Amino acid sequence: MPSGRGCKLIGKLPFDEVFIEAISRGVPVVEVDRGNIKDEIERMWGTIVTRVEINRNRR
């Protein structure tokens, strides 16, 4: 769903207790979770990197 600034949603993360654990330990969620949350965050990050590279090459 695009926003008013032309940004597109690249993913959604469901609530999971792993977020609370990561916050209480002071570490990134990907260091605590070894499952779907970690995989989805890594997929979203890959999307961001790809889009930045595409936009950089258009200049």
PDB file of N, CA and C in Angstrom:
ATOM      1  N   MET A   1       0.843  -1.171   0.000  1.00  0.00           N
ATOM      2  CA  MET A   1       0.000   0.000   0.000  1.00  0.00           C
ATOM      3  C   MET A   1       0.895   1.243   0.000  1.00  0.00           C
ATOM      4  N   PRO A   2       0.857   2.064  -1.023  1.00  0.00           N
ATOM      5  CA  PRO A   2       1.697   3.256  -1.081  1.00  0.00           C
ATOM      6  C   PRO A   2       1.234   4.320  -0.098  1.00  0.00           C
ATOM      7  N   SER A   3       2.179   5.072   0.393  1.00  0.00           N
ATOM      8  CA  SER A   3       1.838   6.191   1.269  1.00  0.00           C
ATOM      9  C   SER A   3       1.776   7.461   0.440  1.00  0.00           C
ATOM     10  N   GLY A   4       1.468   8.567   1.082  1.00  0.00           N
ATOM     11  CA  GLY A   4       1.391   9.846   0.400  1.00  0.00           C
ATOM     12  C   GLY A   4       2.736  10.319  -0.127  1.00  0.00           C
ATOM     13  N   ARG A   5       3.806   9.709   0.304  1.00  0.00           N
ATOM     14  CA  ARG A   5       5.147  10.111  -0.133  1.00  0.00           C
ATOM     15  C   ARG A   5       5.732   9.170  -1.170  1.00  0.00           C
ATOM     16  N   GLY A   6       4.934   8.284  -1.689  1.00  0.00           N
ATOM     17  CA  GLY A   6       5.418   7.358  -2.708  1.00  0.00           C
ATOM     18  C   GLY A   6       6.183   6.176  -2.162  1.00  0.00           C
ATOM     19  N   CYS A   7       6.154   5.967  -0.869  1.00  0.00           N
ATOM     20  CA  CYS A   7       6.838   4.819  -0.266  1.00  0.00           C
ATOM     21  C   CYS A   7       5.922   3.610  -0.318  1.00  0.00           C
ATOM     22  N   LYS A   8       6.516   2.463  -0.557  1.00  0.00           N
ATOM     23  CA  LYS A   8       5.737   1.229  -0.606  1.00  0.00           C
ATOM     24  C   LYS A   8       6.063   0.361   0.599  1.00  0.00           C
ATOM     25  N   LEU A   9       5.050  -0.306   1.096  1.00  0.00           N
ATOM     26  CA  LEU A   9       5.215  -1.240   2.190  1.00  0.00           C
ATOM     27  C   LEU A   9       5.996  -2.445   1.676  1.00  0.00           C
ATOM     28  N   ILE A  10       7.051  -2.811   2.373  1.00  0.00           N
ATOM     29  CA  ILE A  10       7.868  -3.938   1.902  1.00  0.00           C
ATOM     30  C   ILE A  10       7.661  -5.197   2.724  1.00  0.00           C
ATOM     31  N   GLY A  11       6.918  -5.084   3.806  1.00  0.00           N
ATOM     32  CA  GLY A  11       6.654  -6.267   4.614  1.00  0.00           C
ATOM     33  C   GLY A  11       5.965  -5.914   5.909  1.00  0.00           C
ATOM     34  N   LYS A  12       5.518  -6.937   6.586  1.00  0.00           N
ATOM     35  CA  LYS A  12       4.885  -6.779   7.900  1.00  0.00           C
ATOM     36  C   LYS A  12       5.454  -7.825   8.827  1.00  0.00           C
ATOM     37  N   LEU A  13       5.634  -7.441  10.072  1.00  0.00           N
ATOM     38  CA  LEU A  13       6.117  -8.376  11.080  1.00  0.00           C
ATOM     39  C   LEU A  13       5.024  -8.588  12.114  1.00  0.00           C
ATOM     40  N   PRO A  14       4.615  -9.819  12.317  1.00  0.00           N
ATOM     41  CA  PRO A  14       3.603 -10.076  13.342  1.00  0.00           C
ATOM     42  C   PRO A  14       4.218  -9.912  14.726  1.00  0.00           C
ATOM     43  N   PHE A  15       3.368  -9.623  15.711  1.00  0.00           N
ATOM     44  CA  PHE A  15       3.881  -9.551  17.072  1.00  0.00           C
ATOM     45  C   PHE A  15       4.415 -10.914  17.469  1.00  0.00           C
ATOM     46  N   ASP A  16       5.531 -10.883  18.175  1.00  0.00           N
ATOM     47  CA  ASP A  16       6.130 -12.119  18.662  1.00  0.00           C
ATOM     48  C   ASP A  16       6.887 -11.788  19.941  1.00  0.00           C
ATOM     49  N   GLU A  17       6.883 -12.689  20.888  1.00  0.00           N
ATOM     50  CA  GLU A  17       7.595 -12.492  22.157  1.00  0.00           C
ATOM     51  C   GLU A  17       9.089 -12.260  21.950  1.00  0.00           C
ATOM     52  N   VAL A  18       9.612 -12.653  20.795  1.00  0.00           N
ATOM     53  CA  VAL A  18      11.036 -12.479  20.509  1.00  0.00           C
ATOM     54  C   VAL A  18      11.430 -10.996  20.532  1.00  0.00           C
ATOM     55  N   PHE A  19      10.501 -10.112  20.195  1.00  0.00           N
ATOM     56  CA  PHE A  19      10.795  -8.676  20.247  1.00  0.00           C
ATOM     57  C   PHE A  19      11.042  -8.226  21.678  1.00  0.00           C
ATOM     58  N   ILE A  20      10.223  -8.714  22.589  1.00  0.00           N
ATOM     59  CA  ILE A  20      10.393  -8.362  24.006  1.00  0.00           C
ATOM     60  C   ILE A  20      11.718  -8.900  24.529  1.00  0.00           C
ATOM     61  N   GLU A  21      12.040 -10.129  24.164  1.00  0.00           N
ATOM     62  CA  GLU A  21      13.310 -10.720  24.596  1.00  0.00           C
ATOM     63  C   GLU A  21      14.497  -9.914  24.070  1.00  0.00           C
ATOM     64  N   ALA A  22      14.445  -9.545  22.796  1.00  0.00           N
ATOM     65  CA  ALA A  22      15.546  -8.775  22.205  1.00  0.00           C
ATOM     66  C   ALA A  22      15.698  -7.422  22.879  1.00  0.00           C
ATOM     67  N   ILE A  23      14.581  -6.750  23.118  1.00  0.00           N
ATOM     68  CA  ILE A  23      14.637  -5.438  23.776  1.00  0.00           C
ATOM     69  C   ILE A  23      15.208  -5.567  25.183  1.00  0.00           C
ATOM     70  N   SER A  24      14.745  -6.561  25.929  1.00  0.00           N
ATOM     71  CA  SER A  24      15.228  -6.716  27.308  1.00  0.00           C
ATOM     72  C   SER A  24      16.711  -7.075  27.358  1.00  0.00           C
ATOM     73  N   ARG A  25      17.208  -7.755  26.319  1.00  0.00           N
ATOM     74  CA  ARG A  25      18.629  -8.100  26.262  1.00  0.00           C
ATOM     75  C   ARG A  25      19.468  -7.010  25.607  1.00  0.00           C
ATOM     76  N   GLY A  26      18.799  -6.057  24.949  1.00  0.00           N
ATOM     77  CA  GLY A  26      19.520  -4.973  24.280  1.00  0.00           C
ATOM     78  C   GLY A  26      20.235  -5.413  23.018  1.00  0.00           C
ATOM     79  N   VAL A  27      19.637  -6.368  22.313  1.00  0.00           N
ATOM     80  CA  VAL A  27      20.252  -6.880  21.087  1.00  0.00           C
ATOM     81  C   VAL A  27      19.235  -6.826  19.946  1.00  0.00           C
ATOM     82  N   PRO A  28      19.701  -6.869  18.701  1.00  0.00           N
ATOM     83  CA  PRO A  28      18.779  -6.899  17.568  1.00  0.00           C
ATOM     84  C   PRO A  28      17.937  -8.177  17.561  1.00  0.00           C
ATOM     85  N   VAL A  29      16.733  -8.073  17.055  1.00  0.00           N
ATOM     86  CA  VAL A  29      15.831  -9.222  16.994  1.00  0.00           C
ATOM     87  C   VAL A  29      16.462 -10.380  16.232  1.00  0.00           C
ATOM     88  N   VAL A  30      17.214 -10.084  15.191  1.00  0.00           N
ATOM     89  CA  VAL A  30      17.807 -11.159  14.392  1.00  0.00           C
ATOM     90  C   VAL A  30      18.855 -11.961  15.161  1.00  0.00           C
ATOM     91  N   GLU A  31      19.340 -11.425  16.276  1.00  0.00           N
ATOM     92  CA  GLU A  31      20.281 -12.181  17.104  1.00  0.00           C
ATOM     93  C   GLU A  31      19.557 -13.117  18.059  1.00  0.00           C
ATOM     94  N   VAL A  32      18.277 -12.862  18.290  1.00  0.00           N
ATOM     95  CA  VAL A  32      17.494 -13.685  19.217  1.00  0.00           C
ATOM     96  C   VAL A  32      16.697 -14.735  18.450  1.00  0.00           C
ATOM     97  N   ASP A  33      16.082 -14.325  17.359  1.00  0.00           N
ATOM     98  CA  ASP A  33      15.203 -15.209  16.601  1.00  0.00           C
ATOM     99  C   ASP A  33      15.977 -15.954  15.526  1.00  0.00           C
ATOM    100  N   ARG A  34      15.660 -17.204  15.351  1.00  0.00           N
ATOM    101  CA  ARG A  34      16.294 -18.010  14.299  1.00  0.00           C
ATOM    102  C   ARG A  34      15.242 -18.560  13.341  1.00  0.00           C
ATOM    103  N   GLY A  35      14.072 -17.930  13.338  1.00  0.00           N
ATOM    104  CA  GLY A  35      12.976 -18.464  12.538  1.00  0.00           C
ATOM    105  C   GLY A  35      12.402 -17.456  11.566  1.00  0.00           C
ATOM    106  N   ASN A  36      11.082 -17.428  11.507  1.00  0.00           N
ATOM    107  CA  ASN A  36      10.372 -16.634  10.517  1.00  0.00           C
ATOM    108  C   ASN A  36      10.599 -15.133  10.647  1.00  0.00           C
ATOM    109  N   ILE A  37      10.670 -14.617  11.870  1.00  0.00           N
ATOM    110  CA  ILE A  37      10.871 -13.177  12.054  1.00  0.00           C
ATOM    111  C   ILE A  37      12.221 -12.771  11.464  1.00  0.00           C
ATOM    112  N   LYS A  38      13.254 -13.500  11.805  1.00  0.00           N
ATOM    113  CA  LYS A  38      14.597 -13.213  11.278  1.00  0.00           C
ATOM    114  C   LYS A  38      14.602 -13.288   9.753  1.00  0.00           C
ATOM    115  N   ASP A  39      13.991 -14.319   9.218  1.00  0.00           N
ATOM    116  CA  ASP A  39      13.948 -14.487   7.760  1.00  0.00           C
ATOM    117  C   ASP A  39      13.233 -13.318   7.080  1.00  0.00           C
ATOM    118  N   GLU A  40      12.112 -12.885   7.676  1.00  0.00           N
ATOM    119  CA  GLU A  40      11.352 -11.789   7.075  1.00  0.00           C
ATOM    120  C   GLU A  40      12.115 -10.463   7.165  1.00  0.00           C
ATOM    121  N   ILE A  41      12.781 -10.216   8.276  1.00  0.00           N
ATOM    122  CA  ILE A  41      13.581  -8.992   8.410  1.00  0.00           C
ATOM    123  C   ILE A  41      14.707  -8.997   7.374  1.00  0.00           C
ATOM    124  N   GLU A  42      15.369 -10.117   7.208  1.00  0.00           N
ATOM    125  CA  GLU A  42      16.444 -10.211   6.218  1.00  0.00           C
ATOM    126  C   GLU A  42      15.912 -10.038   4.794  1.00  0.00           C
ATOM    127  N   ARG A  43      14.723 -10.578   4.520  1.00  0.00           N
ATOM    128  CA  ARG A  43      14.114 -10.402   3.193  1.00  0.00           C
ATOM    129  C   ARG A  43      13.785  -8.938   2.944  1.00  0.00           C
ATOM    130  N   MET A  44      13.213  -8.275   3.965  1.00  0.00           N
ATOM    131  CA  MET A  44      12.873  -6.851   3.820  1.00  0.00           C
ATOM    132  C   MET A  44      14.138  -6.019   3.625  1.00  0.00           C
ATOM    133  N   TRP A  45      15.188  -6.327   4.375  1.00  0.00           N
ATOM    134  CA  TRP A  45      16.447  -5.591   4.227  1.00  0.00           C
ATOM    135  C   TRP A  45      17.003  -5.763   2.816  1.00  0.00           C
ATOM    136  N   GLY A  46      16.937  -6.968   2.293  1.00  0.00           N
ATOM    137  CA  GLY A  46      17.383  -7.208   0.921  1.00  0.00           C
ATOM    138  C   GLY A  46      16.598  -6.376  -0.081  1.00  0.00           C
ATOM    139  N   THR A  47      15.291  -6.233   0.139  1.00  0.00           N
ATOM    140  CA  THR A  47      14.455  -5.398  -0.727  1.00  0.00           C
ATOM    141  C   THR A  47      14.905  -3.952  -0.667  1.00  0.00           C
ATOM    142  N   ILE A  48      15.184  -3.447   0.529  1.00  0.00           N
ATOM    143  CA  ILE A  48      15.642  -2.064   0.688  1.00  0.00           C
ATOM    144  C   ILE A  48      16.954  -1.854  -0.051  1.00  0.00           C
ATOM    145  N   VAL A  49      17.898  -2.747   0.151  1.00  0.00           N
ATOM    146  CA  VAL A  49      19.207  -2.626  -0.493  1.00  0.00           C
ATOM    147  C   VAL A  49      19.055  -2.618  -2.013  1.00  0.00           C
ATOM    148  N   THR A  50      18.245  -3.514  -2.529  1.00  0.00           N
ATOM    149  CA  THR A  50      18.023  -3.588  -3.979  1.00  0.00           C
ATOM    150  C   THR A  50      17.428  -2.297  -4.508  1.00  0.00           C
ATOM    151  N   ARG A  51      16.429  -1.770  -3.829  1.00  0.00           N
ATOM    152  CA  ARG A  51      15.783  -0.529  -4.288  1.00  0.00           C
ATOM    153  C   ARG A  51      16.726   0.665  -4.224  1.00  0.00           C
ATOM    154  N   VAL A  52      17.550   0.714  -3.192  1.00  0.00           N
ATOM    155  CA  VAL A  52      18.528   1.809  -3.094  1.00  0.00           C
ATOM    156  C   VAL A  52      19.521   1.714  -4.246  1.00  0.00           C
ATOM    157  N   GLU A  53      20.002   0.514  -4.527  1.00  0.00           N
ATOM    158  CA  GLU A  53      20.951   0.336  -5.635  1.00  0.00           C
ATOM    159  C   GLU A  53      20.326   0.700  -6.969  1.00  0.00           C
ATOM    160  N   ILE A  54      19.079   0.318  -7.191  1.00  0.00           N
ATOM    161  CA  ILE A  54      18.394   0.664  -8.436  1.00  0.00           C
ATOM    162  C   ILE A  54      18.259   2.179  -8.570  1.00  0.00           C
ATOM    163  N   ASN A  55      17.865   2.832  -7.498  1.00  0.00           N
ATOM    164  CA  ASN A  55      17.708   4.296  -7.524  1.00  0.00           C
ATOM    165  C   ASN A  55      19.044   4.997  -7.709  1.00  0.00           C
ATOM    166  N   ARG A  56      20.092   4.458  -7.111  1.00  0.00           N
ATOM    167  CA  ARG A  56      21.424   5.049  -7.245  1.00  0.00           C
ATOM    168  C   ARG A  56      21.891   4.961  -8.704  1.00  0.00           C
ATOM    169  N   ASN A  57      21.602   3.853  -9.366  1.00  0.00           N
ATOM    170  CA  ASN A  57      22.014   3.649 -10.763  1.00  0.00           C
ATOM    171  C   ASN A  57      21.216   4.505 -11.744  1.00  0.00           C
ATOM    172  N   ARG A  58      20.067   4.995 -11.342  1.00  0.00           N
ATOM    173  CA  ARG A  58      19.237   5.834 -12.206  1.00  0.00           C
ATOM    174  C   ARG A  58      19.750   7.271 -12.283  1.00  0.00           C
ATOM    175  N   ARG A  59      20.606   7.649 -11.368  1.00  0.00           N
ATOM    176  CA  ARG A  59      21.085   9.055 -11.330  1.00  0.00           C
ATOM    177  C   ARG A  59      22.083   9.316 -12.399  1.00  0.00           C
TER     178      ARG A  59
END
